[in-house]
């Protein structure tokens, strides 16, 4: 039980997490694994209960280089003695890190999440046995984890209408249609952002160094609205900006650095700060710093400002020590 609760609280297995490289995972978990290639540029390692997956950057041709972590999964269904979600939830509640249940998947599974560690727990709906725990989870608490009451087609229609409007017209449109209740408004803004990101042109079709396109303006506006509605925090919003290439590399990296909630000299590390309820603010600030640093690091080859490059490099040196 201590192993499972530790994974939910920390999102790591003996310090290995979804950001660890294959070499780092070997150093932390050893070499008693089975390795398989699940497709072009896809690598999966299995340590019996624990699986770690990576994808390889296309431009990296040298074996063992350019791997980006995808997820760490604990396959609890392989246990000889089943793990009960009620027992797991009780242990976590007593430790001060309760699970939150989100909407079921509709095919016989309940879903739980610990948002700060980004761990999702999948549970058999009939017997309450934990099937798997994954970090980072693809589902989330709140509006992001709930089924949308609006159809995908209506979302696309609204986005295609919005992209043709100027900023004042968009604001007026939103004032007329935004739900009054806060939770419903948050869900509505999230629904619009999901519809928008599905329609965004490929990054290859957008040209850096030119005036921002109507699609980029709309996407940034929607992300700002999602942040204001509380469906995204600043870290989430900036990571979405980087993921979808909505700003010039230097501007995006500057946004990442500005969003880091703690100075480098004061950031909590695994050596300095235990994963404990009383340290949760510092732990989560360190987690945000890690996510934002990694997002900025993806853009580093395209960053021109040497001061920005140096600051990102300094943060990246701390990556394996951040929470």
C-alpha atoms as a PDB file:
ATOM      1  CA  UNK A   1       0.000   0.000   0.000  1.00  0.00           C
ATOM      2  CA  UNK A   2       2.861   2.375   0.750  1.00  0.00           C
ATOM      3  CA  UNK A   3       4.139   1.908  -2.812  1.00  0.00           C
ATOM      4  CA  UNK A   4       0.759   2.794  -4.345  1.00  0.00           C
ATOM      5  CA  UNK A   5       0.063   5.778  -2.106  1.00  0.00           C
ATOM      6  CA  UNK A   6       3.566   7.101  -2.760  1.00  0.00           C
ATOM      7  CA  UNK A   7       2.953   6.908  -6.513  1.00  0.00           C
ATOM      8  CA  UNK A   8      -0.332   8.808  -6.227  1.00  0.00           C
ATOM      9  CA  UNK A   9       1.213  11.505  -4.024  1.00  0.00           C
ATOM     10  CA  UNK A  10       4.461  11.971  -5.953  1.00  0.00           C
ATOM     11  CA  UNK A  11       3.743  10.767  -9.494  1.00  0.00           C
ATOM     12  CA  UNK A  12       7.061   8.924  -9.357  1.00  0.00           C
ATOM     13  CA  UNK A  13       8.438   5.426  -8.833  1.00  0.00           C
ATOM     14  CA  UNK A  14      11.651   5.681  -6.788  1.00  0.00           C
ATOM     15  CA  UNK A  15      12.170   9.118  -8.313  1.00  0.00           C
ATOM     16  CA  UNK A  16      11.490   8.066 -11.916  1.00  0.00           C
ATOM     17  CA  UNK A  17       8.663   9.960 -13.569  1.00  0.00           C
ATOM     18  CA  UNK A  18       7.277  10.754 -17.001  1.00  0.00           C
ATOM     19  CA  UNK A  19      10.054  13.306 -17.623  1.00  0.00           C
ATOM     20  CA  UNK A  20      12.897  10.855 -16.964  1.00  0.00           C
ATOM     21  CA  UNK A  21      15.081   9.680 -19.837  1.00  0.00           C
ATOM     22  CA  UNK A  22      15.672   5.959 -20.472  1.00  0.00           C
ATOM     23  CA  UNK A  23      19.144   6.260 -18.923  1.00  0.00           C
ATOM     24  CA  UNK A  24      17.741   7.998 -15.844  1.00  0.00           C
ATOM     25  CA  UNK A  25      15.072   5.317 -15.410  1.00  0.00           C
ATOM     26  CA  UNK A  26      17.730   2.595 -15.630  1.00  0.00           C
ATOM     27  CA  UNK A  27      19.751   4.402 -12.980  1.00  0.00           C
ATOM     28  CA  UNK A  28      16.738   4.622 -10.663  1.00  0.00           C
ATOM     29  CA  UNK A  29      14.908   1.343 -11.324  1.00  0.00           C
ATOM     30  CA  UNK A  30      17.686  -0.907 -12.585  1.00  0.00           C
ATOM     31  CA  UNK A  31      18.024  -2.960 -15.757  1.00  0.00           C
ATOM     32  CA  UNK A  32      15.618  -5.822 -14.937  1.00  0.00           C
ATOM     33  CA  UNK A  33      13.088  -4.750 -17.558  1.00  0.00           C
ATOM     34  CA  UNK A  34      11.528  -5.982 -20.768  1.00  0.00           C
ATOM     35  CA  UNK A  35      11.810  -3.471 -23.578  1.00  0.00           C
ATOM     36  CA  UNK A  36       9.681  -3.271 -26.711  1.00  0.00           C
ATOM     37  CA  UNK A  37       9.204  -0.940 -29.648  1.00  0.00           C
ATOM     38  CA  UNK A  38       5.485  -0.318 -29.971  1.00  0.00           C
ATOM     39  CA  UNK A  39       5.824   1.607 -33.239  1.00  0.00           C
ATOM     40  CA  UNK A  40       8.150   3.991 -35.098  1.00  0.00           C
ATOM     41  CA  UNK A  41       9.835   6.179 -32.520  1.00  0.00           C
ATOM     42  CA  UNK A  42       7.951   4.512 -29.634  1.00  0.00           C
ATOM     43  CA  UNK A  43       9.668   2.786 -26.713  1.00  0.00           C
ATOM     44  CA  UNK A  44       8.065   0.900 -23.811  1.00  0.00           C
ATOM     45  CA  UNK A  45       9.800  -0.609 -20.793  1.00  0.00           C
ATOM     46  CA  UNK A  46       8.071  -2.956 -18.394  1.00  0.00           C
ATOM     47  CA  UNK A  47       9.252  -3.540 -14.813  1.00  0.00           C
ATOM     48  CA  UNK A  48       6.438  -6.030 -14.127  1.00  0.00           C
ATOM     49  CA  UNK A  49       3.932  -3.686 -12.457  1.00  0.00           C
ATOM     50  CA  UNK A  50       5.552  -0.491 -13.721  1.00  0.00           C
ATOM     51  CA  UNK A  51       5.627   0.592 -17.357  1.00  0.00           C
ATOM     52  CA  UNK A  52       7.440   3.637 -18.735  1.00  0.00           C
ATOM     53  CA  UNK A  53       6.899   4.949 -22.259  1.00  0.00           C
ATOM     54  CA  UNK A  54       8.761   7.372 -24.498  1.00  0.00           C
ATOM     55  CA  UNK A  55       8.580   8.749 -27.995  1.00  0.00           C
ATOM     56  CA  UNK A  56      11.601   9.734 -30.075  1.00  0.00           C
ATOM     57  CA  UNK A  57      12.000  13.075 -31.788  1.00  0.00           C
ATOM     58  CA  UNK A  58      11.926  12.518 -35.534  1.00  0.00           C
ATOM     59  CA  UNK A  59      15.019  14.588 -36.192  1.00  0.00           C
ATOM     60  CA  UNK A  60      17.057  12.489 -33.744  1.00  0.00           C
ATOM     61  CA  UNK A  61      18.521   9.521 -35.566  1.00  0.00           C
ATOM     62  CA  UNK A  62      21.120   8.327 -33.067  1.00  0.00           C
ATOM     63  CA  UNK A  63      19.940   5.358 -31.023  1.00  0.00           C
ATOM     64  CA  UNK A  64      19.081   6.239 -27.452  1.00  0.00           C
ATOM     65  CA  UNK A  65      18.930   9.997 -27.980  1.00  0.00           C
ATOM     66  CA  UNK A  66      16.049  12.393 -28.328  1.00  0.00           C
ATOM     67  CA  UNK A  67      13.598  10.380 -26.217  1.00  0.00           C
ATOM     68  CA  UNK A  68      10.732  12.318 -24.659  1.00  0.00           C
ATOM     69  CA  UNK A  69       8.813  10.736 -21.792  1.00  0.00           C
ATOM     70  CA  UNK A  70       5.119  10.039 -22.293  1.00  0.00           C
ATOM     71  CA  UNK A  71       3.861   8.381 -19.122  1.00  0.00           C
ATOM     72  CA  UNK A  72       4.523   6.078 -16.185  1.00  0.00           C
ATOM     73  CA  UNK A  73       1.828   3.493 -15.476  1.00  0.00           C
ATOM     74  CA  UNK A  74       1.437   1.140 -12.541  1.00  0.00           C
ATOM     75  CA  UNK A  75      -0.519  -1.866 -13.833  1.00  0.00           C
ATOM     76  CA  UNK A  76      -2.315  -2.774 -10.607  1.00  0.00           C
ATOM     77  CA  UNK A  77      -4.469  -5.381 -12.355  1.00  0.00           C
ATOM     78  CA  UNK A  78      -1.365  -7.623 -12.457  1.00  0.00           C
ATOM     79  CA  UNK A  79      -1.336  -7.964  -8.665  1.00  0.00           C
ATOM     80  CA  UNK A  80      -1.951 -11.404  -7.188  1.00  0.00           C
ATOM     81  CA  UNK A  81      -4.050  -9.755  -4.462  1.00  0.00           C
ATOM     82  CA  UNK A  82      -6.380  -7.057  -5.885  1.00  0.00           C
ATOM     83  CA  UNK A  83      -6.001  -3.474  -4.694  1.00  0.00           C
ATOM     84  CA  UNK A  84      -9.261  -1.945  -3.446  1.00  0.00           C
ATOM     85  CA  UNK A  85      -9.889   1.687  -4.357  1.00  0.00           C
ATOM     86  CA  UNK A  86     -11.677   2.187  -1.031  1.00  0.00           C
ATOM     87  CA  UNK A  87      -8.579   1.099   0.896  1.00  0.00           C
ATOM     88  CA  UNK A  88      -6.332   3.237  -1.313  1.00  0.00           C
ATOM     89  CA  UNK A  89      -8.611   6.274  -0.927  1.00  0.00           C
ATOM     90  CA  UNK A  90      -8.706   5.844   2.861  1.00  0.00           C
ATOM     91  CA  UNK A  91      -4.901   5.757   3.097  1.00  0.00           C
ATOM     92  CA  UNK A  92      -4.600   8.852   0.928  1.00  0.00           C
ATOM     93  CA  UNK A  93      -7.274  10.706   2.892  1.00  0.00           C
ATOM     94  CA  UNK A  94      -5.435  10.005   6.143  1.00  0.00           C
ATOM     95  CA  UNK A  95      -2.173  11.208   4.590  1.00  0.00           C
ATOM     96  CA  UNK A  96      -3.835  14.459   3.508  1.00  0.00           C
ATOM     97  CA  UNK A  97      -3.804  13.744  -0.231  1.00  0.00           C
ATOM     98  CA  UNK A  98      -7.382  12.682  -1.059  1.00  0.00           C
ATOM     99  CA  UNK A  99      -8.427  11.395  -4.463  1.00  0.00           C
ATOM    100  CA  UNK A 100     -11.159  13.147  -6.449  1.00  0.00           C
ATOM    101  CA  UNK A 101     -13.582  11.092  -8.522  1.00  0.00           C
ATOM    102  CA  UNK A 102     -14.396  12.403 -11.987  1.00  0.00           C
ATOM    103  CA  UNK A 103     -16.938  11.317 -14.579  1.00  0.00           C
ATOM    104  CA  UNK A 104     -16.859   7.584 -15.406  1.00  0.00           C
ATOM    105  CA  UNK A 105     -15.483   6.558 -18.773  1.00  0.00           C
ATOM    106  CA  UNK A 106     -18.771   5.040 -19.886  1.00  0.00           C
ATOM    107  CA  UNK A 107     -17.348   1.570 -20.537  1.00  0.00           C
ATOM    108  CA  UNK A 108     -17.311   0.115 -17.046  1.00  0.00           C
ATOM    109  CA  UNK A 109     -14.576   2.085 -15.265  1.00  0.00           C
ATOM    110  CA  UNK A 110     -14.560   4.729 -12.557  1.00  0.00           C
ATOM    111  CA  UNK A 111     -11.878   7.404 -12.734  1.00  0.00           C
ATOM    112  CA  UNK A 112     -10.093   9.164  -9.887  1.00  0.00           C
ATOM    113  CA  UNK A 113      -7.409  11.817 -10.000  1.00  0.00           C
ATOM    114  CA  UNK A 114      -4.924  13.570  -7.774  1.00  0.00           C
ATOM    115  CA  UNK A 115      -4.627  16.855  -9.672  1.00  0.00           C
ATOM    116  CA  UNK A 116      -1.368  18.207  -8.236  1.00  0.00           C
ATOM    117  CA  UNK A 117       0.641  15.055  -8.983  1.00  0.00           C
ATOM    118  CA  UNK A 118      -1.380  14.550 -12.207  1.00  0.00           C
ATOM    119  CA  UNK A 119      -1.978  10.887 -11.345  1.00  0.00           C
ATOM    120  CA  UNK A 120      -5.116   9.205 -12.644  1.00  0.00           C
ATOM    121  CA  UNK A 121      -6.547   6.014 -11.137  1.00  0.00           C
ATOM    122  CA  UNK A 122      -8.720   3.685 -13.210  1.00  0.00           C
ATOM    123  CA  UNK A 123     -11.058   1.404 -11.244  1.00  0.00           C
ATOM    124  CA  UNK A 124     -13.339  -1.477 -12.203  1.00  0.00           C
ATOM    125  CA  UNK A 125     -16.878  -0.193 -11.790  1.00  0.00           C
ATOM    126  CA  UNK A 126     -18.292  -3.512 -10.605  1.00  0.00           C
ATOM    127  CA  UNK A 127     -15.802  -4.696  -7.983  1.00  0.00           C
ATOM    128  CA  UNK A 128     -13.926  -1.506  -7.037  1.00  0.00           C
ATOM    129  CA  UNK A 129     -10.529  -2.976  -7.871  1.00  0.00           C
ATOM    130  CA  UNK A 130      -7.809  -0.621  -9.085  1.00  0.00           C
ATOM    131  CA  UNK A 131      -6.827  -1.495 -12.643  1.00  0.00           C
ATOM    132  CA  UNK A 132      -4.083   1.040 -13.352  1.00  0.00           C
ATOM    133  CA  UNK A 133      -2.560   4.304 -12.168  1.00  0.00           C
ATOM    134  CA  UNK A 134      -0.955   6.651 -14.674  1.00  0.00           C
ATOM    135  CA  UNK A 135       0.984   9.922 -14.585  1.00  0.00           C
ATOM    136  CA  UNK A 136       0.349  12.256 -16.235  1.00  0.00           C
ATOM    137  CA  UNK A 137      -3.349  11.411 -16.444  1.00  0.00           C
ATOM    138  CA  UNK A 138      -5.337  12.255 -19.543  1.00  0.00           C
ATOM    139  CA  UNK A 139      -8.424  13.107 -17.490  1.00  0.00           C
ATOM    140  CA  UNK A 140      -8.785  15.873 -14.940  1.00  0.00           C
ATOM    141  CA  UNK A 141     -11.121  17.008 -12.163  1.00  0.00           C
ATOM    142  CA  UNK A 142     -13.728  19.706 -12.625  1.00  0.00           C
ATOM    143  CA  UNK A 143     -15.015  20.900 -16.011  1.00  0.00           C
ATOM    144  CA  UNK A 144     -12.189  19.211 -17.904  1.00  0.00           C
ATOM    145  CA  UNK A 145     -13.229  15.802 -16.597  1.00  0.00           C
ATOM    146  CA  UNK A 146     -16.949  16.099 -17.228  1.00  0.00           C
ATOM    147  CA  UNK A 147     -18.851  15.146 -20.375  1.00  0.00           C
ATOM    148  CA  UNK A 148     -19.763  18.164 -22.459  1.00  0.00           C
ATOM    149  CA  UNK A 149     -23.472  18.957 -22.822  1.00  0.00           C
ATOM    150  CA  UNK A 150     -22.715  20.587 -26.161  1.00  0.00           C
ATOM    151  CA  UNK A 151     -22.047  18.692 -29.368  1.00  0.00           C
ATOM    152  CA  UNK A 152     -18.713  18.680 -31.168  1.00  0.00           C
ATOM    153  CA  UNK A 153     -20.421  20.032 -34.293  1.00  0.00           C
ATOM    154  CA  UNK A 154     -21.832  23.028 -32.419  1.00  0.00           C
ATOM    155  CA  UNK A 155     -18.380  23.741 -31.000  1.00  0.00           C
ATOM    156  CA  UNK A 156     -16.821  23.759 -34.433  1.00  0.00           C
ATOM    157  CA  UNK A 157     -19.553  26.020 -35.771  1.00  0.00           C
ATOM    158  CA  UNK A 158     -19.010  28.515 -32.952  1.00  0.00           C
ATOM    159  CA  UNK A 159     -15.248  28.525 -33.414  1.00  0.00           C
ATOM    160  CA  UNK A 160     -15.518  29.063 -37.163  1.00  0.00           C
ATOM    161  CA  UNK A 161     -17.803  31.994 -36.421  1.00  0.00           C
ATOM    162  CA  UNK A 162     -15.515  33.442 -33.732  1.00  0.00           C
ATOM    163  CA  UNK A 163     -12.362  33.311 -35.843  1.00  0.00           C
ATOM    164  CA  UNK A 164     -13.983  35.742 -38.265  1.00  0.00           C
ATOM    165  CA  UNK A 165     -14.760  38.306 -35.570  1.00  0.00           C
ATOM    166  CA  UNK A 166     -12.603  41.118 -34.261  1.00  0.00           C
ATOM    167  CA  UNK A 167     -11.765  41.408 -30.567  1.00  0.00           C
ATOM    168  CA  UNK A 168     -14.706  43.718 -29.604  1.00  0.00           C
ATOM    169  CA  UNK A 169     -17.195  41.509 -31.468  1.00  0.00           C
ATOM    170  CA  UNK A 170     -15.826  38.373 -29.743  1.00  0.00           C
ATOM    171  CA  UNK A 171     -16.219  39.993 -26.322  1.00  0.00           C
ATOM    172  CA  UNK A 172     -19.776  41.052 -27.102  1.00  0.00           C
ATOM    173  CA  UNK A 173     -20.579  37.561 -28.400  1.00  0.00           C
ATOM    174  CA  UNK A 174     -19.253  36.002 -25.181  1.00  0.00           C
ATOM    175  CA  UNK A 175     -21.177  38.393 -22.936  1.00  0.00           C
ATOM    176  CA  UNK A 176     -24.425  37.389 -24.611  1.00  0.00           C
ATOM    177  CA  UNK A 177     -23.820  33.641 -24.418  1.00  0.00           C
ATOM    178  CA  UNK A 178     -21.625  32.853 -21.424  1.00  0.00           C
ATOM    179  CA  UNK A 179     -23.564  30.898 -18.734  1.00  0.00           C
ATOM    180  CA  UNK A 180     -24.213  32.816 -15.526  1.00  0.00           C
ATOM    181  CA  UNK A 181     -23.263  30.025 -13.112  1.00  0.00           C
ATOM    182  CA  UNK A 182     -19.498  29.860 -12.496  1.00  0.00           C
ATOM    183  CA  UNK A 183     -19.000  26.114 -12.925  1.00  0.00           C
ATOM    184  CA  UNK A 184     -21.114  26.064 -16.067  1.00  0.00           C
ATOM    185  CA  UNK A 185     -19.186  29.032 -17.461  1.00  0.00           C
ATOM    186  CA  UNK A 186     -15.890  27.264 -16.801  1.00  0.00           C
ATOM    187  CA  UNK A 187     -17.134  24.177 -18.595  1.00  0.00           C
ATOM    188  CA  UNK A 188     -18.377  26.330 -21.512  1.00  0.00           C
ATOM    189  CA  UNK A 189     -15.028  28.056 -21.971  1.00  0.00           C
ATOM    190  CA  UNK A 190     -13.213  24.713 -21.811  1.00  0.00           C
ATOM    191  CA  UNK A 191     -15.594  23.318 -24.440  1.00  0.00           C
ATOM    192  CA  UNK A 192     -14.791  26.235 -26.750  1.00  0.00           C
ATOM    193  CA  UNK A 193     -11.026  25.851 -26.249  1.00  0.00           C
ATOM    194  CA  UNK A 194     -11.161  22.119 -27.020  1.00  0.00           C
ATOM    195  CA  UNK A 195     -13.127  22.867 -30.187  1.00  0.00           C
ATOM    196  CA  UNK A 196     -10.616  25.563 -31.162  1.00  0.00           C
ATOM    197  CA  UNK A 197      -7.491  23.479 -30.665  1.00  0.00           C
ATOM    198  CA  UNK A 198      -8.982  20.731 -32.838  1.00  0.00           C
ATOM    199  CA  UNK A 199      -9.326  23.248 -35.677  1.00  0.00           C
ATOM    200  CA  UNK A 200      -6.019  25.095 -35.290  1.00  0.00           C
ATOM    201  CA  UNK A 201      -3.874  24.986 -38.437  1.00  0.00           C
ATOM    202  CA  UNK A 202      -0.775  22.813 -38.191  1.00  0.00           C
ATOM    203  CA  UNK A 203       2.249  24.650 -36.863  1.00  0.00           C
ATOM    204  CA  UNK A 204       3.929  24.181 -40.240  1.00  0.00           C
ATOM    205  CA  UNK A 205       1.212  26.323 -41.771  1.00  0.00           C
ATOM    206  CA  UNK A 206       1.889  29.175 -39.344  1.00  0.00           C
ATOM    207  CA  UNK A 207       4.834  31.443 -39.978  1.00  0.00           C
ATOM    208  CA  UNK A 208       6.837  32.917 -37.120  1.00  0.00           C
ATOM    209  CA  UNK A 209       8.043  36.457 -37.648  1.00  0.00           C
ATOM    210  CA  UNK A 210       4.778  37.518 -39.267  1.00  0.00           C
ATOM    211  CA  UNK A 211       1.696  39.194 -37.887  1.00  0.00           C
ATOM    212  CA  UNK A 212      -0.273  36.939 -35.598  1.00  0.00           C
ATOM    213  CA  UNK A 213      -3.052  35.106 -37.437  1.00  0.00           C
ATOM    214  CA  UNK A 214      -6.752  35.254 -36.592  1.00  0.00           C
ATOM    215  CA  UNK A 215      -6.530  31.636 -35.370  1.00  0.00           C
ATOM    216  CA  UNK A 216      -3.680  32.453 -32.984  1.00  0.00           C
ATOM    217  CA  UNK A 217      -5.511  35.533 -31.679  1.00  0.00           C
ATOM    218  CA  UNK A 218      -8.629  33.476 -31.065  1.00  0.00           C
ATOM    219  CA  UNK A 219      -6.702  30.680 -29.351  1.00  0.00           C
ATOM    220  CA  UNK A 220      -4.910  33.099 -27.026  1.00  0.00           C
ATOM    221  CA  UNK A 221      -8.198  34.824 -26.215  1.00  0.00           C
ATOM    222  CA  UNK A 222      -9.843  31.508 -25.337  1.00  0.00           C
ATOM    223  CA  UNK A 223      -6.926  30.438 -23.164  1.00  0.00           C
ATOM    224  CA  UNK A 224      -7.120  33.739 -21.319  1.00  0.00           C
ATOM    225  CA  UNK A 225     -10.839  33.192 -20.777  1.00  0.00           C
ATOM    226  CA  UNK A 226     -10.228  29.635 -19.537  1.00  0.00           C
ATOM    227  CA  UNK A 227      -7.679  30.967 -17.072  1.00  0.00           C
ATOM    228  CA  UNK A 228     -10.053  33.712 -15.879  1.00  0.00           C
ATOM    229  CA  UNK A 229     -12.838  31.138 -15.451  1.00  0.00           C
ATOM    230  CA  UNK A 230     -10.556  28.910 -13.365  1.00  0.00           C
ATOM    231  CA  UNK A 231     -10.620  25.916 -15.671  1.00  0.00           C
ATOM    232  CA  UNK A 232      -6.879  26.382 -16.336  1.00  0.00           C
ATOM    233  CA  UNK A 233      -4.216  27.791 -14.052  1.00  0.00           C
ATOM    234  CA  UNK A 234      -1.345  29.889 -15.340  1.00  0.00           C
ATOM    235  CA  UNK A 235       0.943  26.885 -15.750  1.00  0.00           C
ATOM    236  CA  UNK A 236      -1.669  24.996 -17.767  1.00  0.00           C
ATOM    237  CA  UNK A 237      -2.397  28.007 -19.979  1.00  0.00           C
ATOM    238  CA  UNK A 238       1.249  28.711 -20.788  1.00  0.00           C
ATOM    239  CA  UNK A 239       1.937  25.034 -21.503  1.00  0.00           C
ATOM    240  CA  UNK A 240      -0.998  25.044 -23.937  1.00  0.00           C
ATOM    241  CA  UNK A 241       0.446  28.145 -25.622  1.00  0.00           C
ATOM    242  CA  UNK A 242       3.747  26.328 -26.121  1.00  0.00           C
ATOM    243  CA  UNK A 243       2.117  23.067 -27.172  1.00  0.00           C
ATOM    244  CA  UNK A 244       0.162  24.725 -29.964  1.00  0.00           C
ATOM    245  CA  UNK A 245       2.868  27.185 -31.040  1.00  0.00           C
ATOM    246  CA  UNK A 246       0.771  30.286 -30.436  1.00  0.00           C
ATOM    247  CA  UNK A 247       3.656  32.686 -29.748  1.00  0.00           C
ATOM    248  CA  UNK A 248       7.100  33.338 -31.170  1.00  0.00           C
ATOM    249  CA  UNK A 249       9.703  31.103 -29.469  1.00  0.00           C
ATOM    250  CA  UNK A 250      11.374  33.940 -27.525  1.00  0.00           C
ATOM    251  CA  UNK A 251       8.007  35.308 -26.409  1.00  0.00           C
ATOM    252  CA  UNK A 252       6.733  31.868 -25.427  1.00  0.00           C
ATOM    253  CA  UNK A 253       9.873  31.083 -23.429  1.00  0.00           C
ATOM    254  CA  UNK A 254       9.630  34.424 -21.672  1.00  0.00           C
ATOM    255  CA  UNK A 255       6.024  33.584 -20.776  1.00  0.00           C
ATOM    256  CA  UNK A 256       7.193  30.237 -19.349  1.00  0.00           C
ATOM    257  CA  UNK A 257       9.845  31.861 -17.200  1.00  0.00           C
ATOM    258  CA  UNK A 258       7.493  34.623 -16.035  1.00  0.00           C
ATOM    259  CA  UNK A 259       4.928  32.007 -14.989  1.00  0.00           C
ATOM    260  CA  UNK A 260       7.346  30.054 -12.776  1.00  0.00           C
ATOM    261  CA  UNK A 261       5.961  30.836  -9.298  1.00  0.00           C
ATOM    262  CA  UNK A 262       9.206  30.619  -7.336  1.00  0.00           C
ATOM    263  CA  UNK A 263      12.790  31.886  -7.769  1.00  0.00           C
ATOM    264  CA  UNK A 264      15.379  29.307  -8.737  1.00  0.00           C
ATOM    265  CA  UNK A 265      17.261  29.838  -5.470  1.00  0.00           C
ATOM    266  CA  UNK A 266      14.135  29.062  -3.419  1.00  0.00           C
ATOM    267  CA  UNK A 267      12.551  26.229  -5.377  1.00  0.00           C
ATOM    268  CA  UNK A 268      11.749  23.053  -3.456  1.00  0.00           C
ATOM    269  CA  UNK A 269      13.697  19.959  -4.488  1.00  0.00           C
ATOM    270  CA  UNK A 270      13.370  16.275  -3.710  1.00  0.00           C
ATOM    271  CA  UNK A 271      16.385  16.540  -1.402  1.00  0.00           C
ATOM    272  CA  UNK A 272      15.133  19.586   0.504  1.00  0.00           C
ATOM    273  CA  UNK A 273      11.387  19.078   0.809  1.00  0.00           C
ATOM    274  CA  UNK A 274       9.382  15.974   1.809  1.00  0.00           C
ATOM    275  CA  UNK A 275       6.091  15.222   0.057  1.00  0.00           C
ATOM    276  CA  UNK A 276       3.935  16.204   3.030  1.00  0.00           C
ATOM    277  CA  UNK A 277       0.659  18.044   3.470  1.00  0.00           C
ATOM    278  CA  UNK A 278       2.360  20.998   5.151  1.00  0.00           C
ATOM    279  CA  UNK A 279       4.751  21.381   2.201  1.00  0.00           C
ATOM    280  CA  UNK A 280       2.104  21.175  -0.513  1.00  0.00           C
ATOM    281  CA  UNK A 281       2.410  24.810  -1.651  1.00  0.00           C
ATOM    282  CA  UNK A 282       6.172  24.497  -2.094  1.00  0.00           C
ATOM    283  CA  UNK A 283       5.868  21.076  -3.735  1.00  0.00           C
ATOM    284  CA  UNK A 284       3.312  22.327  -6.254  1.00  0.00           C
ATOM    285  CA  UNK A 285       5.397  25.416  -7.039  1.00  0.00           C
ATOM    286  CA  UNK A 286       8.294  23.081  -7.810  1.00  0.00           C
ATOM    287  CA  UNK A 287       6.030  20.964 -10.007  1.00  0.00           C
ATOM    288  CA  UNK A 288       4.899  24.052 -11.909  1.00  0.00           C
ATOM    289  CA  UNK A 289       8.510  25.126 -12.347  1.00  0.00           C
ATOM    290  CA  UNK A 290       9.354  21.711 -13.781  1.00  0.00           C
ATOM    291  CA  UNK A 291       6.486  21.702 -16.287  1.00  0.00           C
ATOM    292  CA  UNK A 292       7.238  25.231 -17.435  1.00  0.00           C
ATOM    293  CA  UNK A 293      10.962  24.551 -17.678  1.00  0.00           C
ATOM    294  CA  UNK A 294      10.353  21.506 -19.863  1.00  0.00           C
ATOM    295  CA  UNK A 295       7.953  23.472 -22.059  1.00  0.00           C
ATOM    296  CA  UNK A 296      10.554  26.210 -22.492  1.00  0.00           C
ATOM    297  CA  UNK A 297      13.236  23.605 -23.125  1.00  0.00           C
ATOM    298  CA  UNK A 298      11.367  22.290 -26.160  1.00  0.00           C
ATOM    299  CA  UNK A 299      11.723  25.728 -27.760  1.00  0.00           C
ATOM    300  CA  UNK A 300      15.348  26.283 -26.782  1.00  0.00           C
ATOM    301  CA  UNK A 301      16.887  25.507 -30.229  1.00  0.00           C
ATOM    302  CA  UNK A 302      14.771  28.295 -31.743  1.00  0.00           C
ATOM    303  CA  UNK A 303      15.368  30.936 -29.053  1.00  0.00           C
ATOM    304  CA  UNK A 304      17.551  33.866 -30.104  1.00  0.00           C
ATOM    305  CA  UNK A 305      17.953  35.830 -26.870  1.00  0.00           C
ATOM    306  CA  UNK A 306      21.101  34.525 -25.115  1.00  0.00           C
ATOM    307  CA  UNK A 307      19.833  35.631 -21.690  1.00  0.00           C
ATOM    308  CA  UNK A 308      16.666  33.573 -22.140  1.00  0.00           C
ATOM    309  CA  UNK A 309      18.688  30.601 -23.314  1.00  0.00           C
ATOM    310  CA  UNK A 310      20.954  30.818 -20.277  1.00  0.00           C
ATOM    311  CA  UNK A 311      18.049  31.062 -17.832  1.00  0.00           C
ATOM    312  CA  UNK A 312      16.261  28.061 -19.338  1.00  0.00           C
ATOM    313  CA  UNK A 313      19.503  26.064 -19.310  1.00  0.00           C
ATOM    314  CA  UNK A 314      19.967  26.886 -15.617  1.00  0.00           C
ATOM    315  CA  UNK A 315      16.454  25.648 -14.832  1.00  0.00           C
ATOM    316  CA  UNK A 316      16.975  22.515 -16.922  1.00  0.00           C
ATOM    317  CA  UNK A 317      19.994  21.630 -14.798  1.00  0.00           C
ATOM    318  CA  UNK A 318      17.576  21.368 -11.862  1.00  0.00           C
ATOM    319  CA  UNK A 319      15.043  19.176 -13.738  1.00  0.00           C
ATOM    320  CA  UNK A 320      15.839  15.840 -12.080  1.00  0.00           C
ATOM    321  CA  UNK A 321      15.776  17.448  -8.628  1.00  0.00           C
ATOM    322  CA  UNK A 322      12.428  19.215  -8.988  1.00  0.00           C
ATOM    323  CA  UNK A 323       9.326  17.623  -7.512  1.00  0.00           C
END
